[in-house]
Amino acid sequence: SFGIEKRDLLVDRVEDARDAQSEAKDQFTSALDQFRSVVEVDGGDLERTYDRVNAEYERSAARASDVRKRIDAVERVAEDLFAEWQDELEEYTNPTLKRDSERLLKDTRRRYSTLIQAMRRAEKSMDPVLNTFRDQVLVLKHNLNARAIGTLRKELASIERQTAALMKEMEKSIAEANEFIKSMQDRGDE
């Protein structure tokens, strides 16, 4: 695919990455809710509680993996688009049109750079939360007792802080993606 098709493909990939981030954000929120419910358990069926928390962790890890893949796909398409665009600048015979295209390429690269940085920051902020969730799942798995629940209670505030930071990065990245998509669609209407 050439030119306009790559631009459309880039917009599609950004939309996919944005949607994956939104789904991951929802999943991490659900996992935090499950974790909160565990620390409120007094005895009860700890094995069933472990199974629920582990399932939430597994779903969160899968969502995080999907986000990473979607961001990588955005980068591949963007690199192809920008390389093609740069090469095609030499094909212009009209200096005014060439200058306009160079200016648009520079602006698009700048917007894209801001977008991909926001996406990568959000991606990186998933790891500490996943690591903490995994640690807590392991504590539960190997210590299905009240002491394990007590240990988890001590970690709740830290997990809530990490998850809140993740949500904030995800929201910034999603907003940046929406802005980028709008700017690319507005250019398509010109």
C-alpha atoms as a PDB file:
ATOM      1  CA  SER A   1       0.000   0.000   0.000  1.00  0.00           C
ATOM      2  CA  PHE A   2       1.147   3.504  -0.803  1.00  0.00           C
ATOM      3  CA  GLY A   3       0.624   7.054   0.426  1.00  0.00           C
ATOM      4  CA  ILE A   4      -2.912   7.664   1.538  1.00  0.00           C
ATOM      5  CA  GLU A   5      -3.395   3.951   2.294  1.00  0.00           C
ATOM      6  CA  LYS A   6      -0.454   3.907   4.731  1.00  0.00           C
ATOM      7  CA  ARG A   7      -1.823   7.021   6.391  1.00  0.00           C
ATOM      8  CA  ASP A   8      -5.164   5.278   6.818  1.00  0.00           C
ATOM      9  CA  LEU A   9      -3.409   2.141   8.025  1.00  0.00           C
ATOM     10  CA  LEU A  10      -1.504   4.219  10.595  1.00  0.00           C
ATOM     11  CA  VAL A  11      -4.760   5.738  11.839  1.00  0.00           C
ATOM     12  CA  ASP A  12      -6.272   2.243  12.076  1.00  0.00           C
ATOM     13  CA  ARG A  13      -3.281   0.954  14.037  1.00  0.00           C
ATOM     14  CA  VAL A  14      -3.377   3.940  16.398  1.00  0.00           C
ATOM     15  CA  GLU A  15      -7.086   3.299  16.944  1.00  0.00           C
ATOM     16  CA  ASP A  16      -6.344  -0.380  17.667  1.00  0.00           C
ATOM     17  CA  ALA A  17      -3.602   0.545  20.143  1.00  0.00           C
ATOM     18  CA  ARG A  18      -5.857   3.110  21.811  1.00  0.00           C
ATOM     19  CA  ASP A  19      -8.639   0.542  22.134  1.00  0.00           C
ATOM     20  CA  ALA A  20      -6.217  -2.063  23.515  1.00  0.00           C
ATOM     21  CA  GLN A  21      -5.044   0.447  26.105  1.00  0.00           C
ATOM     22  CA  SER A  22      -8.612   1.229  27.062  1.00  0.00           C
ATOM     23  CA  GLU A  23      -9.369  -2.480  27.473  1.00  0.00           C
ATOM     24  CA  ALA A  24      -6.185  -2.964  29.500  1.00  0.00           C
ATOM     25  CA  LYS A  25      -7.131  -0.014  31.698  1.00  0.00           C
ATOM     26  CA  ASP A  26     -10.511  -1.633  32.406  1.00  0.00           C
ATOM     27  CA  GLN A  27      -8.850  -4.992  33.091  1.00  0.00           C
ATOM     28  CA  PHE A  28      -6.326  -3.520  35.529  1.00  0.00           C
ATOM     29  CA  THR A  29      -9.166  -1.774  37.338  1.00  0.00           C
ATOM     30  CA  SER A  30     -11.006  -5.088  37.571  1.00  0.00           C
ATOM     31  CA  ALA A  31      -7.871  -6.815  38.872  1.00  0.00           C
ATOM     32  CA  LEU A  32      -7.462  -4.136  41.538  1.00  0.00           C
ATOM     33  CA  ASP A  33     -11.091  -4.604  42.577  1.00  0.00           C
ATOM     34  CA  GLN A  34     -10.511  -8.355  42.870  1.00  0.00           C
ATOM     35  CA  PHE A  35      -7.400  -7.718  44.928  1.00  0.00           C
ATOM     36  CA  ARG A  36      -9.336  -5.420  47.227  1.00  0.00           C
ATOM     37  CA  SER A  37     -11.970  -8.113  47.690  1.00  0.00           C
ATOM     38  CA  VAL A  38      -9.260 -10.593  48.693  1.00  0.00           C
ATOM     39  CA  VAL A  39      -7.877  -8.443  51.477  1.00  0.00           C
ATOM     40  CA  GLU A  40     -11.382  -8.089  52.865  1.00  0.00           C
ATOM     41  CA  VAL A  41     -11.761 -11.874  53.130  1.00  0.00           C
ATOM     42  CA  ASP A  42     -11.601 -13.289  56.630  1.00  0.00           C
ATOM     43  CA  GLY A  43     -10.925 -16.961  56.165  1.00  0.00           C
ATOM     44  CA  GLY A  44     -13.538 -18.350  53.802  1.00  0.00           C
ATOM     45  CA  ASP A  45     -12.588 -20.266  50.722  1.00  0.00           C
ATOM     46  CA  LEU A  46      -9.082 -18.948  50.085  1.00  0.00           C
ATOM     47  CA  GLU A  47      -8.482 -21.336  47.211  1.00  0.00           C
ATOM     48  CA  ARG A  48     -11.470 -19.959  45.302  1.00  0.00           C
ATOM     49  CA  THR A  49     -10.267 -16.455  46.138  1.00  0.00           C
ATOM     50  CA  TYR A  50      -6.825 -17.344  44.786  1.00  0.00           C
ATOM     51  CA  ASP A  51      -8.396 -18.689  41.584  1.00  0.00           C
ATOM     52  CA  ARG A  52     -10.317 -15.434  41.032  1.00  0.00           C
ATOM     53  CA  VAL A  53      -7.308 -13.218  41.671  1.00  0.00           C
ATOM     54  CA  ASN A  54      -5.055 -15.383  39.515  1.00  0.00           C
ATOM     55  CA  ALA A  55      -7.578 -15.265  36.663  1.00  0.00           C
ATOM     56  CA  GLU A  56      -7.645 -11.452  36.891  1.00  0.00           C
ATOM     57  CA  TYR A  57      -3.846 -11.349  36.861  1.00  0.00           C
ATOM     58  CA  GLU A  58      -3.727 -13.638  33.799  1.00  0.00           C
ATOM     59  CA  ARG A  59      -6.262 -11.463  31.957  1.00  0.00           C
ATOM     60  CA  SER A  60      -4.291  -8.335  32.893  1.00  0.00           C
ATOM     61  CA  ALA A  61      -1.055  -9.875  31.603  1.00  0.00           C
ATOM     62  CA  ALA A  62      -2.790 -10.822  28.341  1.00  0.00           C
ATOM     63  CA  ARG A  63      -4.162  -7.275  27.913  1.00  0.00           C
ATOM     64  CA  ALA A  64      -0.693  -5.836  28.577  1.00  0.00           C
ATOM     65  CA  SER A  65       0.764  -8.127  25.917  1.00  0.00           C
ATOM     66  CA  ASP A  66      -1.901  -7.002  23.450  1.00  0.00           C
ATOM     67  CA  VAL A  67      -1.100  -3.349  24.174  1.00  0.00           C
ATOM     68  CA  ARG A  68       2.612  -3.993  23.485  1.00  0.00           C
ATOM     69  CA  LYS A  69       1.844  -5.719  20.170  1.00  0.00           C
ATOM     70  CA  ARG A  70      -0.490  -2.913  19.075  1.00  0.00           C
ATOM     71  CA  ILE A  71       2.086  -0.218  19.871  1.00  0.00           C
ATOM     72  CA  ASP A  72       4.770  -2.159  17.963  1.00  0.00           C
ATOM     73  CA  ALA A  73       2.385  -2.339  14.975  1.00  0.00           C
ATOM     74  CA  VAL A  74       1.852   1.432  15.131  1.00  0.00           C
ATOM     75  CA  GLU A  75       5.616   1.962  15.044  1.00  0.00           C
ATOM     76  CA  ARG A  76       6.129  -0.336  12.047  1.00  0.00           C
ATOM     77  CA  VAL A  77       3.465   1.393   9.972  1.00  0.00           C
ATOM     78  CA  ALA A  78       4.663   4.859  10.983  1.00  0.00           C
ATOM     79  CA  GLU A  79       8.255   4.044  10.010  1.00  0.00           C
ATOM     80  CA  ASP A  80       7.069   2.792   6.604  1.00  0.00           C
ATOM     81  CA  LEU A  81       4.840   5.822   6.081  1.00  0.00           C
ATOM     82  CA  PHE A  82       7.544   8.335   6.996  1.00  0.00           C
ATOM     83  CA  ALA A  83      10.208   6.594   4.869  1.00  0.00           C
ATOM     84  CA  GLU A  84       7.901   6.526   1.858  1.00  0.00           C
ATOM     85  CA  TRP A  85       6.854  10.147   2.384  1.00  0.00           C
ATOM     86  CA  GLN A  86      10.501  11.245   2.686  1.00  0.00           C
ATOM     87  CA  ASP A  87      11.424   9.414  -0.534  1.00  0.00           C
ATOM     88  CA  GLU A  88       8.474  10.904  -2.409  1.00  0.00           C
ATOM     89  CA  LEU A  89       9.533  14.454  -1.533  1.00  0.00           C
ATOM     90  CA  GLU A  90      12.235  14.135  -4.198  1.00  0.00           C
ATOM     91  CA  GLU A  91       9.579  13.455  -6.834  1.00  0.00           C
ATOM     92  CA  TYR A  92       8.032  16.932  -6.563  1.00  0.00           C
ATOM     93  CA  THR A  93       8.755  19.351  -9.362  1.00  0.00           C
ATOM     94  CA  ASN A  94       6.800  22.233  -7.842  1.00  0.00           C
ATOM     95  CA  PRO A  95       8.910  23.793  -5.030  1.00  0.00           C
ATOM     96  CA  THR A  96       5.861  25.204  -3.213  1.00  0.00           C
ATOM     97  CA  LEU A  97       4.105  21.835  -3.093  1.00  0.00           C
ATOM     98  CA  LYS A  98       7.347  20.179  -1.984  1.00  0.00           C
ATOM     99  CA  ARG A  99       7.784  22.722   0.843  1.00  0.00           C
ATOM    100  CA  ASP A 100       4.166  22.236   1.931  1.00  0.00           C
ATOM    101  CA  SER A 101       4.614  18.463   1.984  1.00  0.00           C
ATOM    102  CA  GLU A 102       7.895  18.764   3.926  1.00  0.00           C
ATOM    103  CA  ARG A 103       6.176  20.995   6.470  1.00  0.00           C
ATOM    104  CA  LEU A 104       3.283  18.551   6.794  1.00  0.00           C
ATOM    105  CA  LEU A 105       5.705  15.622   7.158  1.00  0.00           C
ATOM    106  CA  LYS A 106       7.610  17.460   9.896  1.00  0.00           C
ATOM    107  CA  ASP A 107       4.371  18.302  11.729  1.00  0.00           C
ATOM    108  CA  THR A 108       3.071  14.739  11.427  1.00  0.00           C
ATOM    109  CA  ARG A 109       6.376  13.331  12.725  1.00  0.00           C
ATOM    110  CA  ARG A 110       6.238  15.726  15.688  1.00  0.00           C
ATOM    111  CA  ARG A 111       2.673  14.697  16.529  1.00  0.00           C
ATOM    112  CA  TYR A 112       3.553  11.050  16.079  1.00  0.00           C
ATOM    113  CA  SER A 113       6.600  11.399  18.346  1.00  0.00           C
ATOM    114  CA  THR A 114       4.421  12.827  21.122  1.00  0.00           C
ATOM    115  CA  LEU A 115       1.909  10.014  20.612  1.00  0.00           C
ATOM    116  CA  ILE A 116       4.407   7.154  20.634  1.00  0.00           C
ATOM    117  CA  GLN A 117       6.155   8.548  23.721  1.00  0.00           C
ATOM    118  CA  ALA A 118       2.835   8.654  25.565  1.00  0.00           C
ATOM    119  CA  MET A 119       2.017   5.109  24.449  1.00  0.00           C
ATOM    120  CA  ARG A 120       5.418   3.780  25.528  1.00  0.00           C
ATOM    121  CA  ARG A 121       5.167   5.527  28.924  1.00  0.00           C
ATOM    122  CA  ALA A 122       1.780   3.905  29.479  1.00  0.00           C
ATOM    123  CA  GLU A 123       3.170   0.568  28.343  1.00  0.00           C
ATOM    124  CA  LYS A 124       6.089   0.796  30.787  1.00  0.00           C
ATOM    125  CA  SER A 125       3.793   1.750  33.642  1.00  0.00           C
ATOM    126  CA  MET A 126       2.003  -1.602  33.275  1.00  0.00           C
ATOM    127  CA  ASP A 127       5.049  -3.623  34.337  1.00  0.00           C
ATOM    128  CA  PRO A 128       5.280  -2.527  37.999  1.00  0.00           C
ATOM    129  CA  VAL A 129       1.556  -3.175  38.453  1.00  0.00           C
ATOM    130  CA  LEU A 130       1.756  -6.586  36.788  1.00  0.00           C
ATOM    131  CA  ASN A 131       4.822  -7.487  38.862  1.00  0.00           C
ATOM    132  CA  THR A 132       3.073  -6.522  42.083  1.00  0.00           C
ATOM    133  CA  PHE A 133      -0.071  -8.422  41.118  1.00  0.00           C
ATOM    134  CA  ARG A 134       2.016 -11.483  40.201  1.00  0.00           C
ATOM    135  CA  ASP A 135       3.849 -11.313  43.549  1.00  0.00           C
ATOM    136  CA  GLN A 136       0.567 -11.163  45.430  1.00  0.00           C
ATOM    137  CA  VAL A 137      -0.889 -14.045  43.427  1.00  0.00           C
ATOM    138  CA  LEU A 138       2.186 -16.101  44.323  1.00  0.00           C
ATOM    139  CA  VAL A 139       1.838 -15.194  48.002  1.00  0.00           C
ATOM    140  CA  LEU A 140      -1.750 -16.410  47.898  1.00  0.00           C
ATOM    141  CA  LYS A 141      -0.886 -19.537  45.930  1.00  0.00           C
ATOM    142  CA  HIS A 142       1.733 -20.713  48.388  1.00  0.00           C
ATOM    143  CA  ASN A 143       0.144 -19.428  51.585  1.00  0.00           C
ATOM    144  CA  LEU A 144      -3.583 -20.030  51.486  1.00  0.00           C
ATOM    145  CA  ASN A 145      -4.100 -18.780  55.022  1.00  0.00           C
ATOM    146  CA  ALA A 146      -5.025 -15.721  57.055  1.00  0.00           C
ATOM    147  CA  ARG A 147      -1.379 -14.641  57.344  1.00  0.00           C
ATOM    148  CA  ALA A 148      -1.175 -14.340  53.554  1.00  0.00           C
ATOM    149  CA  ILE A 149      -4.266 -12.134  53.572  1.00  0.00           C
ATOM    150  CA  GLY A 150      -2.621  -9.961  56.225  1.00  0.00           C
ATOM    151  CA  THR A 151       0.465  -9.585  54.030  1.00  0.00           C
ATOM    152  CA  LEU A 152      -1.720  -8.592  51.097  1.00  0.00           C
ATOM    153  CA  ARG A 153      -3.518  -5.979  53.191  1.00  0.00           C
ATOM    154  CA  LYS A 154      -0.173  -4.294  53.862  1.00  0.00           C
ATOM    155  CA  GLU A 155       0.480  -4.088  50.118  1.00  0.00           C
ATOM    156  CA  LEU A 156      -2.935  -2.707  49.168  1.00  0.00           C
ATOM    157  CA  ALA A 157      -1.973   0.977  49.405  1.00  0.00           C
ATOM    158  CA  SER A 158       1.101   0.423  47.218  1.00  0.00           C
ATOM    159  CA  ILE A 159      -0.900  -1.483  44.623  1.00  0.00           C
ATOM    160  CA  GLU A 160      -3.563   1.226  44.597  1.00  0.00           C
ATOM    161  CA  ARG A 161      -0.893   3.915  44.028  1.00  0.00           C
ATOM    162  CA  GLN A 162       0.744   1.951  41.211  1.00  0.00           C
ATOM    163  CA  THR A 163      -2.586   1.255  39.566  1.00  0.00           C
ATOM    164  CA  ALA A 164      -3.630   4.914  39.854  1.00  0.00           C
ATOM    165  CA  ALA A 165      -0.361   5.956  38.186  1.00  0.00           C
ATOM    166  CA  LEU A 166      -0.965   3.404  35.443  1.00  0.00           C
ATOM    167  CA  MET A 167      -4.526   4.669  34.887  1.00  0.00           C
ATOM    168  CA  LYS A 168      -3.210   8.228  34.598  1.00  0.00           C
ATOM    169  CA  GLU A 169      -0.593   7.233  31.989  1.00  0.00           C
ATOM    170  CA  MET A 170      -3.177   5.191  30.076  1.00  0.00           C
ATOM    171  CA  GLU A 171      -5.611   8.108  30.034  1.00  0.00           C
ATOM    172  CA  LYS A 172      -2.887  10.470  28.758  1.00  0.00           C
ATOM    173  CA  SER A 173      -1.919   8.003  26.053  1.00  0.00           C
ATOM    174  CA  ILE A 174      -5.536   7.423  24.995  1.00  0.00           C
ATOM    175  CA  ALA A 175      -6.124  11.187  24.823  1.00  0.00           C
ATOM    176  CA  GLU A 176      -2.944  11.626  22.768  1.00  0.00           C
ATOM    177  CA  ALA A 177      -4.091   8.863  20.404  1.00  0.00           C
ATOM    178  CA  ASN A 178      -7.483  10.540  19.981  1.00  0.00           C
ATOM    179  CA  GLU A 179      -5.761  13.835  19.190  1.00  0.00           C
ATOM    180  CA  PHE A 180      -3.437  12.194  16.665  1.00  0.00           C
ATOM    181  CA  ILE A 181      -6.313  10.345  14.990  1.00  0.00           C
ATOM    182  CA  LYS A 182      -8.322  13.556  14.725  1.00  0.00           C
ATOM    183  CA  SER A 183      -5.386  15.470  13.227  1.00  0.00           C
ATOM    184  CA  MET A 184      -4.790  12.723  10.649  1.00  0.00           C
ATOM    185  CA  GLN A 185      -8.495  12.510   9.769  1.00  0.00           C
ATOM    186  CA  ASP A 186      -8.739  16.287   9.446  1.00  0.00           C
ATOM    187  CA  ARG A 187      -5.871  16.178   6.956  1.00  0.00           C
ATOM    188  CA  GLY A 188      -7.646  13.461   4.999  1.00  0.00           C
ATOM    189  CA  ASP A 189     -10.608  15.794   4.567  1.00  0.00           C
ATOM    190  CA  GLU A 190      -8.457  18.507   2.992  1.00  0.00           C
END
